[in-house]
Amino acid sequence: MGDWIEEYFADVDAMRLDEFVARHTDDAEVNINNNPPAVGKEQIRESIGGFWQMIGGLSHEFKNRWEDGDTVILESDVHYTRKDGQEVTVATTSILHRDGELVDRLAFYNDPSPIFA
């Protein structure tokens, strides 16, 4: 992809929390499945950082990408490494919106049950 999406998800896949948080506006909102939204950088840090502590790693394999103005929708397979070392793949849809150069809204939807089975 060679653009901001690739750079954004490189930080996600490397679980670089500081860099990931810095890619968001101060009042950004992150929605993960049916959980309450994380609003603002500190809540995003707690939510995403907490999740990353529960897994061994992850990597995104992008399948499709749709763009409309400042909004990008991604269909991907996310390969999670569980704490026991086993890898599971979960189909995921991500929706990102940018305000200028920073993300002000991220939502992603998947079934996380295989990660914790």
PDB file of N, CA and C in Angstrom:
ATOM      1  N   MET A   1       0.813  -1.196   0.000  1.00  0.00           N
ATOM      2  CA  MET A   1       0.000   0.000   0.000  1.00  0.00           C
ATOM      3  C   MET A   1       0.858   1.262   0.000  1.00  0.00           C
ATOM      4  N   GLY A   2       1.985   1.239   0.689  1.00  0.00           N
ATOM      5  CA  GLY A   2       2.934   2.327   0.604  1.00  0.00           C
ATOM      6  C   GLY A   2       2.434   3.689   1.020  1.00  0.00           C
ATOM      7  N   ASP A   3       1.611   3.777   2.008  1.00  0.00           N
ATOM      8  CA  ASP A   3       1.066   5.066   2.434  1.00  0.00           C
ATOM      9  C   ASP A   3       0.791   5.062   3.931  1.00  0.00           C
ATOM     10  N   TRP A   4      -0.002   6.006   4.377  1.00  0.00           N
ATOM     11  CA  TRP A   4      -0.242   6.150   5.812  1.00  0.00           C
ATOM     12  C   TRP A   4      -0.882   4.915   6.423  1.00  0.00           C
ATOM     13  N   ILE A   5      -1.704   4.196   5.683  1.00  0.00           N
ATOM     14  CA  ILE A   5      -2.323   2.973   6.218  1.00  0.00           C
ATOM     15  C   ILE A   5      -1.245   1.935   6.506  1.00  0.00           C
ATOM     16  N   GLU A   6      -0.322   1.784   5.571  1.00  0.00           N
ATOM     17  CA  GLU A   6       0.767   0.830   5.767  1.00  0.00           C
ATOM     18  C   GLU A   6       1.605   1.212   6.992  1.00  0.00           C
ATOM     19  N   GLU A   7       1.926   2.480   7.127  1.00  0.00           N
ATOM     20  CA  GLU A   7       2.707   2.958   8.274  1.00  0.00           C
ATOM     21  C   GLU A   7       1.929   2.782   9.582  1.00  0.00           C
ATOM     22  N   TYR A   8       0.641   3.095   9.552  1.00  0.00           N
ATOM     23  CA  TYR A   8      -0.214   2.960  10.732  1.00  0.00           C
ATOM     24  C   TYR A   8      -0.211   1.515  11.228  1.00  0.00           C
ATOM     25  N   PHE A   9      -0.466   0.582  10.298  1.00  0.00           N
ATOM     26  CA  PHE A   9      -0.541  -0.818  10.703  1.00  0.00           C
ATOM     27  C   PHE A   9       0.830  -1.435  10.959  1.00  0.00           C
ATOM     28  N   ALA A  10       1.904  -0.841  10.466  1.00  0.00           N
ATOM     29  CA  ALA A  10       3.248  -1.303  10.847  1.00  0.00           C
ATOM     30  C   ALA A  10       3.450  -1.077  12.339  1.00  0.00           C
ATOM     31  N   ASP A  11       2.963   0.061  12.854  1.00  0.00           N
ATOM     32  CA  ASP A  11       3.048   0.307  14.300  1.00  0.00           C
ATOM     33  C   ASP A  11       2.167  -0.658  15.078  1.00  0.00           C
ATOM     34  N   VAL A  12       0.979  -0.946  14.541  1.00  0.00           N
ATOM     35  CA  VAL A  12       0.085  -1.903  15.202  1.00  0.00           C
ATOM     36  C   VAL A  12       0.758  -3.272  15.251  1.00  0.00           C
ATOM     37  N   ASP A  13       1.220  -3.760  14.099  1.00  0.00           N
ATOM     38  CA  ASP A  13       1.784  -5.106  14.039  1.00  0.00           C
ATOM     39  C   ASP A  13       3.056  -5.256  14.863  1.00  0.00           C
ATOM     40  N   ALA A  14       3.796  -4.169  15.046  1.00  0.00           N
ATOM     41  CA  ALA A  14       4.990  -4.196  15.902  1.00  0.00           C
ATOM     42  C   ALA A  14       4.626  -3.896  17.354  1.00  0.00           C
ATOM     43  N   MET A  15       3.354  -3.616  17.601  1.00  0.00           N
ATOM     44  CA  MET A  15       2.845  -3.275  18.932  1.00  0.00           C
ATOM     45  C   MET A  15       3.664  -2.134  19.560  1.00  0.00           C
ATOM     46  N   ARG A  16       3.911  -1.105  18.760  1.00  0.00           N
ATOM     47  CA  ARG A  16       4.600   0.104  19.225  1.00  0.00           C
ATOM     48  C   ARG A  16       3.537   1.059  19.746  1.00  0.00           C
ATOM     49  N   LEU A  17       3.252   0.976  21.019  1.00  0.00           N
ATOM     50  CA  LEU A  17       2.130   1.693  21.607  1.00  0.00           C
ATOM     51  C   LEU A  17       2.293   3.204  21.528  1.00  0.00           C
ATOM     52  N   ASP A  18       3.454   3.741  21.866  1.00  0.00           N
ATOM     53  CA  ASP A  18       3.650   5.190  21.826  1.00  0.00           C
ATOM     54  C   ASP A  18       3.431   5.739  20.418  1.00  0.00           C
ATOM     55  N   GLU A  19       4.006   5.062  19.432  1.00  0.00           N
ATOM     56  CA  GLU A  19       3.863   5.507  18.054  1.00  0.00           C
ATOM     57  C   GLU A  19       2.415   5.394  17.583  1.00  0.00           C
ATOM     58  N   PHE A  20       1.743   4.302  17.974  1.00  0.00           N
ATOM     59  CA  PHE A  20       0.344   4.111  17.610  1.00  0.00           C
ATOM     60  C   PHE A  20      -0.520   5.226  18.190  1.00  0.00           C
ATOM     61  N   VAL A  21      -0.377   5.498  19.463  1.00  0.00           N
ATOM     62  CA  VAL A  21      -1.179   6.540  20.114  1.00  0.00           C
ATOM     63  C   VAL A  21      -0.913   7.893  19.463  1.00  0.00           C
ATOM     64  N   ALA A  22       0.324   8.176  19.123  1.00  0.00           N
ATOM     65  CA  ALA A  22       0.683   9.469  18.522  1.00  0.00           C
ATOM     66  C   ALA A  22       0.032   9.676  17.159  1.00  0.00           C
ATOM     67  N   ARG A  23      -0.426   8.636  16.520  1.00  0.00           N
ATOM     68  CA  ARG A  23      -1.072   8.747  15.210  1.00  0.00           C
ATOM     69  C   ARG A  23      -2.532   9.191  15.306  1.00  0.00           C
ATOM     70  N   HIS A  24      -3.003   9.496  16.523  1.00  0.00           N
ATOM     71  CA  HIS A  24      -4.404   9.864  16.748  1.00  0.00           C
ATOM     72  C   HIS A  24      -4.527  11.297  17.246  1.00  0.00           C
ATOM     73  N   THR A  25      -5.684  11.899  16.953  1.00  0.00           N
ATOM     74  CA  THR A  25      -5.974  13.222  17.499  1.00  0.00           C
ATOM     75  C   THR A  25      -6.181  13.097  19.006  1.00  0.00           C
ATOM     76  N   ASP A  26      -6.100  14.217  19.713  1.00  0.00           N
ATOM     77  CA  ASP A  26      -6.268  14.201  21.170  1.00  0.00           C
ATOM     78  C   ASP A  26      -7.638  13.692  21.595  1.00  0.00           C
ATOM     79  N   ASP A  27      -8.649  13.908  20.765  1.00  0.00           N
ATOM     80  CA  ASP A  27     -10.007  13.492  21.108  1.00  0.00           C
ATOM     81  C   ASP A  27     -10.487  12.297  20.272  1.00  0.00           C
ATOM     82  N   ALA A  28      -9.556  11.527  19.732  1.00  0.00           N
ATOM     83  CA  ALA A  28      -9.903  10.383  18.881  1.00  0.00           C
ATOM     84  C   ALA A  28     -10.760   9.382  19.648  1.00  0.00           C
ATOM     85  N   GLU A  29     -11.535   8.623  18.883  1.00  0.00           N
ATOM     86  CA  GLU A  29     -12.396   7.582  19.446  1.00  0.00           C
ATOM     87  C   GLU A  29     -12.045   6.258  18.789  1.00  0.00           C
ATOM     88  N   VAL A  30     -11.837   5.230  19.624  1.00  0.00           N
ATOM     89  CA  VAL A  30     -11.544   3.890  19.138  1.00  0.00           C
ATOM     90  C   VAL A  30     -12.630   2.955  19.648  1.00  0.00           C
ATOM     91  N   ASN A  31     -13.286   2.287  18.714  1.00  0.00           N
ATOM     92  CA  ASN A  31     -14.340   1.314  19.038  1.00  0.00           C
ATOM     93  C   ASN A  31     -13.859  -0.074  18.663  1.00  0.00           C
ATOM     94  N   ILE A  32     -13.885  -0.973  19.630  1.00  0.00           N
ATOM     95  CA  ILE A  32     -13.481  -2.351  19.413  1.00  0.00           C
ATOM     96  C   ILE A  32     -14.683  -3.242  19.682  1.00  0.00           C
ATOM     97  N   ASN A  33     -15.230  -3.817  18.607  1.00  0.00           N
ATOM     98  CA  ASN A  33     -16.378  -4.700  18.705  1.00  0.00           C
ATOM     99  C   ASN A  33     -17.499  -4.029  19.495  1.00  0.00           C
ATOM    100  N   ASN A  34     -18.023  -4.695  20.496  1.00  0.00           N
ATOM    101  CA  ASN A  34     -19.131  -4.149  21.273  1.00  0.00           C
ATOM    102  C   ASN A  34     -18.691  -3.503  22.578  1.00  0.00           C
ATOM    103  N   ASN A  35     -17.407  -3.259  22.735  1.00  0.00           N
ATOM    104  CA  ASN A  35     -16.906  -2.636  23.954  1.00  0.00           C
ATOM    105  C   ASN A  35     -17.214  -1.141  23.952  1.00  0.00           C
ATOM    106  N   PRO A  36     -17.273  -0.529  25.129  1.00  0.00           N
ATOM    107  CA  PRO A  36     -17.431   0.928  25.164  1.00  0.00           C
ATOM    108  C   PRO A  36     -16.255   1.596  24.447  1.00  0.00           C
ATOM    109  N   PRO A  37     -16.502   2.707  23.768  1.00  0.00           N
ATOM    110  CA  PRO A  37     -15.403   3.366  23.041  1.00  0.00           C
ATOM    111  C   PRO A  37     -14.341   3.918  23.984  1.00  0.00           C
ATOM    112  N   ALA A  38     -13.104   3.901  23.506  1.00  0.00           N
ATOM    113  CA  ALA A  38     -12.002   4.577  24.183  1.00  0.00           C
ATOM    114  C   ALA A  38     -11.899   5.954  23.544  1.00  0.00           C
ATOM    115  N   VAL A  39     -12.016   7.000  24.351  1.00  0.00           N
ATOM    116  CA  VAL A  39     -12.006   8.360  23.833  1.00  0.00           C
ATOM    117  C   VAL A  39     -10.800   9.101  24.396  1.00  0.00           C
ATOM    118  N   GLY A  40      -9.994   9.647  23.514  1.00  0.00           N
ATOM    119  CA  GLY A  40      -8.800  10.363  23.925  1.00  0.00           C
ATOM    120  C   GLY A  40      -7.594   9.443  23.992  1.00  0.00           C
ATOM    121  N   LYS A  41      -6.438  10.056  23.901  1.00  0.00           N
ATOM    122  CA  LYS A  41      -5.198   9.281  23.812  1.00  0.00           C
ATOM    123  C   LYS A  41      -4.952   8.390  25.027  1.00  0.00           C
ATOM    124  N   GLU A  42      -5.276   8.864  26.217  1.00  0.00           N
ATOM    125  CA  GLU A  42      -5.003   8.044  27.404  1.00  0.00           C
ATOM    126  C   GLU A  42      -5.882   6.790  27.439  1.00  0.00           C
ATOM    127  N   GLN A  43      -7.163   6.943  27.119  1.00  0.00           N
ATOM    128  CA  GLN A  43      -8.043   5.772  27.082  1.00  0.00           C
ATOM    129  C   GLN A  43      -7.651   4.824  25.954  1.00  0.00           C
ATOM    130  N   ILE A  44      -7.234   5.377  24.818  1.00  0.00           N
ATOM    131  CA  ILE A  44      -6.774   4.537  23.714  1.00  0.00           C
ATOM    132  C   ILE A  44      -5.541   3.750  24.149  1.00  0.00           C
ATOM    133  N   ARG A  45      -4.610   4.420  24.813  1.00  0.00           N
ATOM    134  CA  ARG A  45      -3.403   3.753  25.320  1.00  0.00           C
ATOM    135  C   ARG A  45      -3.781   2.599  26.261  1.00  0.00           C
ATOM    136  N   GLU A  46      -4.713   2.854  27.178  1.00  0.00           N
ATOM    137  CA  GLU A  46      -5.123   1.821  28.130  1.00  0.00           C
ATOM    138  C   GLU A  46      -5.826   0.664  27.435  1.00  0.00           C
ATOM    139  N   SER A  47      -6.732   0.972  26.511  1.00  0.00           N
ATOM    140  CA  SER A  47      -7.507  -0.063  25.835  1.00  0.00           C
ATOM    141  C   SER A  47      -6.638  -0.924  24.925  1.00  0.00           C
ATOM    142  N   ILE A  48      -5.926  -0.290  24.014  1.00  0.00           N
ATOM    143  CA  ILE A  48      -5.098  -1.040  23.070  1.00  0.00           C
ATOM    144  C   ILE A  48      -3.917  -1.688  23.784  1.00  0.00           C
ATOM    145  N   GLY A  49      -3.284  -0.949  24.685  1.00  0.00           N
ATOM    146  CA  GLY A  49      -2.164  -1.504  25.439  1.00  0.00           C
ATOM    147  C   GLY A  49      -2.584  -2.702  26.273  1.00  0.00           C
ATOM    148  N   GLY A  50      -3.763  -2.621  26.874  1.00  0.00           N
ATOM    149  CA  GLY A  50      -4.275  -3.742  27.657  1.00  0.00           C
ATOM    150  C   GLY A  50      -4.504  -4.971  26.793  1.00  0.00           C
ATOM    151  N   PHE A  51      -5.059  -4.755  25.606  1.00  0.00           N
ATOM    152  CA  PHE A  51      -5.276  -5.876  24.691  1.00  0.00           C
ATOM    153  C   PHE A  51      -3.949  -6.474  24.249  1.00  0.00           C
ATOM    154  N   TRP A  52      -2.999  -5.613  23.870  1.00  0.00           N
ATOM    155  CA  TRP A  52      -1.715  -6.121  23.411  1.00  0.00           C
ATOM    156  C   TRP A  52      -0.990  -6.914  24.492  1.00  0.00           C
ATOM    157  N   GLN A  53      -1.230  -6.612  25.752  1.00  0.00           N
ATOM    158  CA  GLN A  53      -0.602  -7.377  26.827  1.00  0.00           C
ATOM    159  C   GLN A  53      -1.167  -8.796  26.927  1.00  0.00           C
ATOM    160  N   MET A  54      -2.350  -9.008  26.351  1.00  0.00           N
ATOM    161  CA  MET A  54      -2.994 -10.320  26.426  1.00  0.00           C
ATOM    162  C   MET A  54      -2.601 -11.244  25.282  1.00  0.00           C
ATOM    163  N   ILE A  55      -1.835 -10.726  24.306  1.00  0.00           N
ATOM    164  CA  ILE A  55      -1.454 -11.538  23.151  1.00  0.00           C
ATOM    165  C   ILE A  55       0.063 -11.544  22.991  1.00  0.00           C
ATOM    166  N   GLY A  56       0.533 -12.480  22.199  1.00  0.00           N
ATOM    167  CA  GLY A  56       1.961 -12.554  21.930  1.00  0.00           C
ATOM    168  C   GLY A  56       2.401 -11.732  20.737  1.00  0.00           C
ATOM    169  N   GLY A  57       1.465 -11.440  19.832  1.00  0.00           N
ATOM    170  CA  GLY A  57       1.780 -10.656  18.646  1.00  0.00           C
ATOM    171  C   GLY A  57       0.622 -10.673  17.669  1.00  0.00           C
ATOM    172  N   LEU A  58       0.769  -9.901  16.591  1.00  0.00           N
ATOM    173  CA  LEU A  58      -0.250  -9.870  15.547  1.00  0.00           C
ATOM    174  C   LEU A  58       0.342  -9.326  14.259  1.00  0.00           C
ATOM    175  N   SER A  59      -0.296  -9.689  13.156  1.00  0.00           N
ATOM    176  CA  SER A  59       0.066  -9.116  11.863  1.00  0.00           C
ATOM    177  C   SER A  59      -1.168  -9.109  10.979  1.00  0.00           C
ATOM    178  N   HIS A  60      -1.269  -8.054  10.175  1.00  0.00           N
ATOM    179  CA  HIS A  60      -2.420  -7.863   9.296  1.00  0.00           C
ATOM    180  C   HIS A  60      -2.073  -8.297   7.873  1.00  0.00           C
ATOM    181  N   GLU A  61      -2.977  -9.043   7.270  1.00  0.00           N
ATOM    182  CA  GLU A  61      -2.904  -9.402   5.858  1.00  0.00           C
ATOM    183  C   GLU A  61      -4.112  -8.752   5.184  1.00  0.00           C
ATOM    184  N   PHE A  62      -3.875  -7.680   4.463  1.00  0.00           N
ATOM    185  CA  PHE A  62      -4.970  -6.910   3.859  1.00  0.00           C
ATOM    186  C   PHE A  62      -5.551  -7.651   2.665  1.00  0.00           C
ATOM    187  N   LYS A  63      -6.868  -7.701   2.620  1.00  0.00           N
ATOM    188  CA  LYS A  63      -7.586  -8.366   1.525  1.00  0.00           C
ATOM    189  C   LYS A  63      -8.207  -7.343   0.575  1.00  0.00           C
ATOM    190  N   ASN A  64      -8.895  -6.355   1.120  1.00  0.00           N
ATOM    191  CA  ASN A  64      -9.563  -5.331   0.321  1.00  0.00           C
ATOM    192  C   ASN A  64      -9.496  -3.991   1.033  1.00  0.00           C
ATOM    193  N   ARG A  65      -9.553  -2.939   0.218  1.00  0.00           N
ATOM    194  CA  ARG A  65      -9.494  -1.573   0.754  1.00  0.00           C
ATOM    195  C   ARG A  65     -10.438  -0.689  -0.054  1.00  0.00           C
ATOM    196  N   TRP A  66     -11.258   0.062   0.676  1.00  0.00           N
ATOM    197  CA  TRP A  66     -12.157   1.012   0.043  1.00  0.00           C
ATOM    198  C   TRP A  66     -11.923   2.373   0.677  1.00  0.00           C
ATOM    199  N   GLU A  67     -11.931   3.411  -0.145  1.00  0.00           N
ATOM    200  CA  GLU A  67     -11.705   4.770   0.349  1.00  0.00           C
ATOM    201  C   GLU A  67     -12.826   5.686  -0.117  1.00  0.00           C
ATOM    202  N   ASP A  68     -13.225   6.576   0.774  1.00  0.00           N
ATOM    203  CA  ASP A  68     -14.193   7.616   0.453  1.00  0.00           C
ATOM    204  C   ASP A  68     -13.759   8.864   1.213  1.00  0.00           C
ATOM    205  N   GLY A  69     -13.115   9.780   0.531  1.00  0.00           N
ATOM    206  CA  GLY A  69     -12.614  10.984   1.193  1.00  0.00           C
ATOM    207  C   GLY A  69     -11.590  10.629   2.248  1.00  0.00           C
ATOM    208  N   ASP A  70     -11.859  11.016   3.477  1.00  0.00           N
ATOM    209  CA  ASP A  70     -10.938  10.772   4.596  1.00  0.00           C
ATOM    210  C   ASP A  70     -11.212   9.461   5.327  1.00  0.00           C
ATOM    211  N   THR A  71     -12.086   8.622   4.774  1.00  0.00           N
ATOM    212  CA  THR A  71     -12.446   7.353   5.400  1.00  0.00           C
ATOM    213  C   THR A  71     -11.886   6.188   4.600  1.00  0.00           C
ATOM    214  N   VAL A  72     -11.308   5.216   5.320  1.00  0.00           N
ATOM    215  CA  VAL A  72     -10.783   3.997   4.706  1.00  0.00           C
ATOM    216  C   VAL A  72     -11.420   2.806   5.411  1.00  0.00           C
ATOM    217  N   ILE A  73     -11.901   1.853   4.627  1.00  0.00           N
ATOM    218  CA  ILE A  73     -12.444   0.603   5.151  1.00  0.00           C
ATOM    219  C   ILE A  73     -11.530  -0.512   4.674  1.00  0.00           C
ATOM    220  N   LEU A  74     -11.097  -1.341   5.613  1.00  0.00           N
ATOM    221  CA  LEU A  74     -10.185  -2.439   5.298  1.00  0.00           C
ATOM    222  C   LEU A  74     -10.804  -3.777   5.685  1.00  0.00           C
ATOM    223  N   GLU A  75     -10.647  -4.729   4.806  1.00  0.00           N
ATOM    224  CA  GLU A  75     -10.973  -6.114   5.104  1.00  0.00           C
ATOM    225  C   GLU A  75      -9.635  -6.838   5.199  1.00  0.00           C
ATOM    226  N   SER A  76      -9.417  -7.530   6.300  1.00  0.00           N
ATOM    227  CA  SER A  76      -8.122  -8.181   6.472  1.00  0.00           C
ATOM    228  C   SER A  76      -8.256  -9.461   7.274  1.00  0.00           C
ATOM    229  N   ASP A  77      -7.254 -10.301   7.130  1.00  0.00           N
ATOM    230  CA  ASP A  77      -7.063 -11.430   8.031  1.00  0.00           C
ATOM    231  C   ASP A  77      -5.996 -10.979   9.016  1.00  0.00           C
ATOM    232  N   VAL A  78      -6.310 -11.085  10.282  1.00  0.00           N
ATOM    233  CA  VAL A  78      -5.333 -10.722  11.305  1.00  0.00           C
ATOM    234  C   VAL A  78      -4.815 -12.016  11.912  1.00  0.00           C
ATOM    235  N   HIS A  79      -3.516 -12.190  11.839  1.00  0.00           N
ATOM    236  CA  HIS A  79      -2.864 -13.378  12.388  1.00  0.00           C
ATOM    237  C   HIS A  79      -2.387 -13.017  13.788  1.00  0.00           C
ATOM    238  N   TYR A  80      -3.043 -13.589  14.783  1.00  0.00           N
ATOM    239  CA  TYR A  80      -2.698 -13.344  16.180  1.00  0.00           C
ATOM    240  C   TYR A  80      -1.833 -14.484  16.690  1.00  0.00           C
ATOM    241  N   THR A  81      -0.814 -14.136  17.437  1.00  0.00           N
ATOM    242  CA  THR A  81      -0.043 -15.126  18.173  1.00  0.00           C
ATOM    243  C   THR A  81      -0.526 -15.068  19.610  1.00  0.00           C
ATOM    244  N   ARG A  82      -1.043 -16.192  20.072  1.00  0.00           N
ATOM    245  CA  ARG A  82      -1.548 -16.256  21.440  1.00  0.00           C
ATOM    246  C   ARG A  82      -0.377 -16.379  22.413  1.00  0.00           C
ATOM    247  N   LYS A  83      -0.656 -16.175  23.671  1.00  0.00           N
ATOM    248  CA  LYS A  83       0.390 -16.282  24.695  1.00  0.00           C
ATOM    249  C   LYS A  83       1.006 -17.678  24.741  1.00  0.00           C
ATOM    250  N   ASP A  84       0.234 -18.710  24.324  1.00  0.00           N
ATOM    251  CA  ASP A  84       0.775 -20.074  24.315  1.00  0.00           C
ATOM    252  C   ASP A  84       1.586 -20.372  23.057  1.00  0.00           C
ATOM    253  N   GLY A  85       1.753 -19.349  22.176  1.00  0.00           N
ATOM    254  CA  GLY A  85       2.542 -19.504  20.968  1.00  0.00           C
ATOM    255  C   GLY A  85       1.747 -19.946  19.752  1.00  0.00           C
ATOM    256  N   GLN A  86       0.526 -20.379  19.948  1.00  0.00           N
ATOM    257  CA  GLN A  86      -0.304 -20.809  18.818  1.00  0.00           C
ATOM    258  C   GLN A  86      -0.770 -19.601  18.024  1.00  0.00           C
ATOM    259  N   GLU A  87      -0.795 -19.734  16.687  1.00  0.00           N
ATOM    260  CA  GLU A  87      -1.291 -18.652  15.835  1.00  0.00           C
ATOM    261  C   GLU A  87      -2.717 -18.960  15.405  1.00  0.00           C
ATOM    262  N   VAL A  88      -3.569 -17.943  15.476  1.00  0.00           N
ATOM    263  CA  VAL A  88      -4.937 -18.048  14.979  1.00  0.00           C
ATOM    264  C   VAL A  88      -5.184 -16.868  14.045  1.00  0.00           C
ATOM    265  N   THR A  89      -6.001 -17.096  13.045  1.00  0.00           N
ATOM    266  CA  THR A  89      -6.333 -16.055  12.082  1.00  0.00           C
ATOM    267  C   THR A  89      -7.790 -15.672  12.247  1.00  0.00           C
ATOM    268  N   VAL A  90      -8.030 -14.360  12.306  1.00  0.00           N
ATOM    269  CA  VAL A  90      -9.376 -13.842  12.536  1.00  0.00           C
ATOM    270  C   VAL A  90      -9.686 -12.817  11.447  1.00  0.00           C
ATOM    271  N   ALA A  91     -10.799 -13.021  10.737  1.00  0.00           N
ATOM    272  CA  ALA A  91     -11.251 -12.047   9.740  1.00  0.00           C
ATOM    273  C   ALA A  91     -11.680 -10.774  10.467  1.00  0.00           C
ATOM    274  N   THR A  92     -11.240  -9.625   9.959  1.00  0.00           N
ATOM    275  CA  THR A  92     -11.467  -8.357  10.639  1.00  0.00           C
ATOM    276  C   THR A  92     -11.830  -7.276   9.629  1.00  0.00           C
ATOM    277  N   THR A  93     -12.754  -6.416  10.022  1.00  0.00           N
ATOM    278  CA  THR A  93     -13.064  -5.215   9.260  1.00  0.00           C
ATOM    279  C   THR A  93     -12.668  -4.018  10.104  1.00  0.00           C
ATOM    280  N   SER A  94     -11.902  -3.100   9.513  1.00  0.00           N
ATOM    281  CA  SER A  94     -11.460  -1.883  10.193  1.00  0.00           C
ATOM    282  C   SER A  94     -11.948  -0.673   9.414  1.00  0.00           C
ATOM    283  N   ILE A  95     -12.409   0.330  10.147  1.00  0.00           N
ATOM    284  CA  ILE A  95     -12.849   1.583   9.542  1.00  0.00           C
ATOM    285  C   ILE A  95     -12.057   2.697  10.205  1.00  0.00           C
ATOM    286  N   LEU A  96     -11.345   3.471   9.410  1.00  0.00           N
ATOM    287  CA  LEU A  96     -10.532   4.566   9.923  1.00  0.00           C
ATOM    288  C   LEU A  96     -10.962   5.871   9.269  1.00  0.00           C
ATOM    289  N   HIS A  97     -10.977   6.930  10.065  1.00  0.00           N
ATOM    290  CA  HIS A  97     -11.257   8.270   9.535  1.00  0.00           C
ATOM    291  C   HIS A  97     -10.147   9.182  10.018  1.00  0.00           C
ATOM    292  N   ARG A  98      -9.680  10.048   9.111  1.00  0.00           N
ATOM    293  CA  ARG A  98      -8.615  10.976   9.478  1.00  0.00           C
ATOM    294  C   ARG A  98      -9.119  12.405   9.486  1.00  0.00           C
ATOM    295  N   ASP A  99      -8.546  13.165  10.395  1.00  0.00           N
ATOM    296  CA  ASP A  99      -8.703  14.618  10.447  1.00  0.00           C
ATOM    297  C   ASP A  99      -7.317  15.171  10.179  1.00  0.00           C
ATOM    298  N   GLY A 100      -7.084  15.616   8.956  1.00  0.00           N
ATOM    299  CA  GLY A 100      -5.733  16.032   8.588  1.00  0.00           C
ATOM    300  C   GLY A 100      -4.842  14.816   8.475  1.00  0.00           C
ATOM    301  N   GLU A 101      -3.726  14.841   9.182  1.00  0.00           N
ATOM    302  CA  GLU A 101      -2.767  13.742   9.135  1.00  0.00           C
ATOM    303  C   GLU A 101      -2.980  12.703  10.233  1.00  0.00           C
ATOM    304  N   LEU A 102      -3.929  12.931  11.139  1.00  0.00           N
ATOM    305  CA  LEU A 102      -4.119  12.039  12.282  1.00  0.00           C
ATOM    306  C   LEU A 102      -5.469  11.338  12.221  1.00  0.00           C
ATOM    307  N   VAL A 103      -5.532  10.154  12.782  1.00  0.00           N
ATOM    308  CA  VAL A 103      -6.775   9.387  12.852  1.00  0.00           C
ATOM    309  C   VAL A 103      -7.614   9.941  13.997  1.00  0.00           C
ATOM    310  N   ASP A 104      -8.877  10.254  13.698  1.00  0.00           N
ATOM    311  CA  ASP A 104      -9.768  10.713  14.761  1.00  0.00           C
ATOM    312  C   ASP A 104     -10.847   9.689  15.079  1.00  0.00           C
ATOM    313  N   ARG A 105     -10.906   8.627  14.273  1.00  0.00           N
ATOM    314  CA  ARG A 105     -11.879   7.580  14.549  1.00  0.00           C
ATOM    315  C   ARG A 105     -11.376   6.267  13.965  1.00  0.00           C
ATOM    316  N   LEU A 106     -11.358   5.251  14.816  1.00  0.00           N
ATOM    317  CA  LEU A 106     -11.017   3.895  14.412  1.00  0.00           C
ATOM    318  C   LEU A 106     -12.068   2.964  14.997  1.00  0.00           C
ATOM    319  N   ALA A 107     -12.581   2.093  14.180  1.00  0.00           N
ATOM    320  CA  ALA A 107     -13.466   1.030  14.663  1.00  0.00           C
ATOM    321  C   ALA A 107     -13.003  -0.255  14.000  1.00  0.00           C
ATOM    322  N   PHE A 108     -12.944  -1.323  14.794  1.00  0.00           N
ATOM    323  CA  PHE A 108     -12.685  -2.609  14.153  1.00  0.00           C
ATOM    324  C   PHE A 108     -13.551  -3.678  14.773  1.00  0.00           C
ATOM    325  N   TYR A 109     -13.916  -4.612  13.893  1.00  0.00           N
ATOM    326  CA  TYR A 109     -14.891  -5.632  14.248  1.00  0.00           C
ATOM    327  C   TYR A 109     -14.363  -6.993  13.839  1.00  0.00           C
ATOM    328  N   ASN A 110     -14.377  -7.907  14.812  1.00  0.00           N
ATOM    329  CA  ASN A 110     -14.007  -9.295  14.561  1.00  0.00           C
ATOM    330  C   ASN A 110     -14.563 -10.162  15.691  1.00  0.00           C
ATOM    331  N   ASP A 111     -14.360 -11.445  15.582  1.00  0.00           N
ATOM    332  CA  ASP A 111     -14.727 -12.372  16.642  1.00  0.00           C
ATOM    333  C   ASP A 111     -13.450 -12.782  17.352  1.00  0.00           C
ATOM    334  N   PRO A 112     -13.181 -12.203  18.536  1.00  0.00           N
ATOM    335  CA  PRO A 112     -11.904 -12.472  19.207  1.00  0.00           C
ATOM    336  C   PRO A 112     -11.858 -13.814  19.955  1.00  0.00           C
ATOM    337  N   SER A 113     -12.947 -14.579  19.966  1.00  0.00           N
ATOM    338  CA  SER A 113     -12.977 -15.805  20.785  1.00  0.00           C
ATOM    339  C   SER A 113     -11.850 -16.789  20.446  1.00  0.00           C
ATOM    340  N   PRO A 114     -11.434 -16.968  19.180  1.00  0.00           N
ATOM    341  CA  PRO A 114     -10.320 -17.904  18.928  1.00  0.00           C
ATOM    342  C   PRO A 114      -9.005 -17.473  19.575  1.00  0.00           C
ATOM    343  N   ILE A 115      -8.851 -16.175  19.803  1.00  0.00           N
ATOM    344  CA  ILE A 115      -7.615 -15.679  20.405  1.00  0.00           C
ATOM    345  C   ILE A 115      -7.476 -16.187  21.835  1.00  0.00           C
ATOM    346  N   PHE A 116      -8.609 -16.335  22.510  1.00  0.00           N
ATOM    347  CA  PHE A 116      -8.591 -16.667  23.933  1.00  0.00           C
ATOM    348  C   PHE A 116      -9.141 -18.053  24.231  1.00  0.00           C
ATOM    349  N   ALA A 117      -9.365 -18.868  23.178  1.00  0.00           N
ATOM    350  CA  ALA A 117      -9.921 -20.200  23.373  1.00  0.00           C
ATOM    351  C   ALA A 117      -8.935 -21.107  24.094  1.00  0.00           C
TER     352      ALA A 117
END
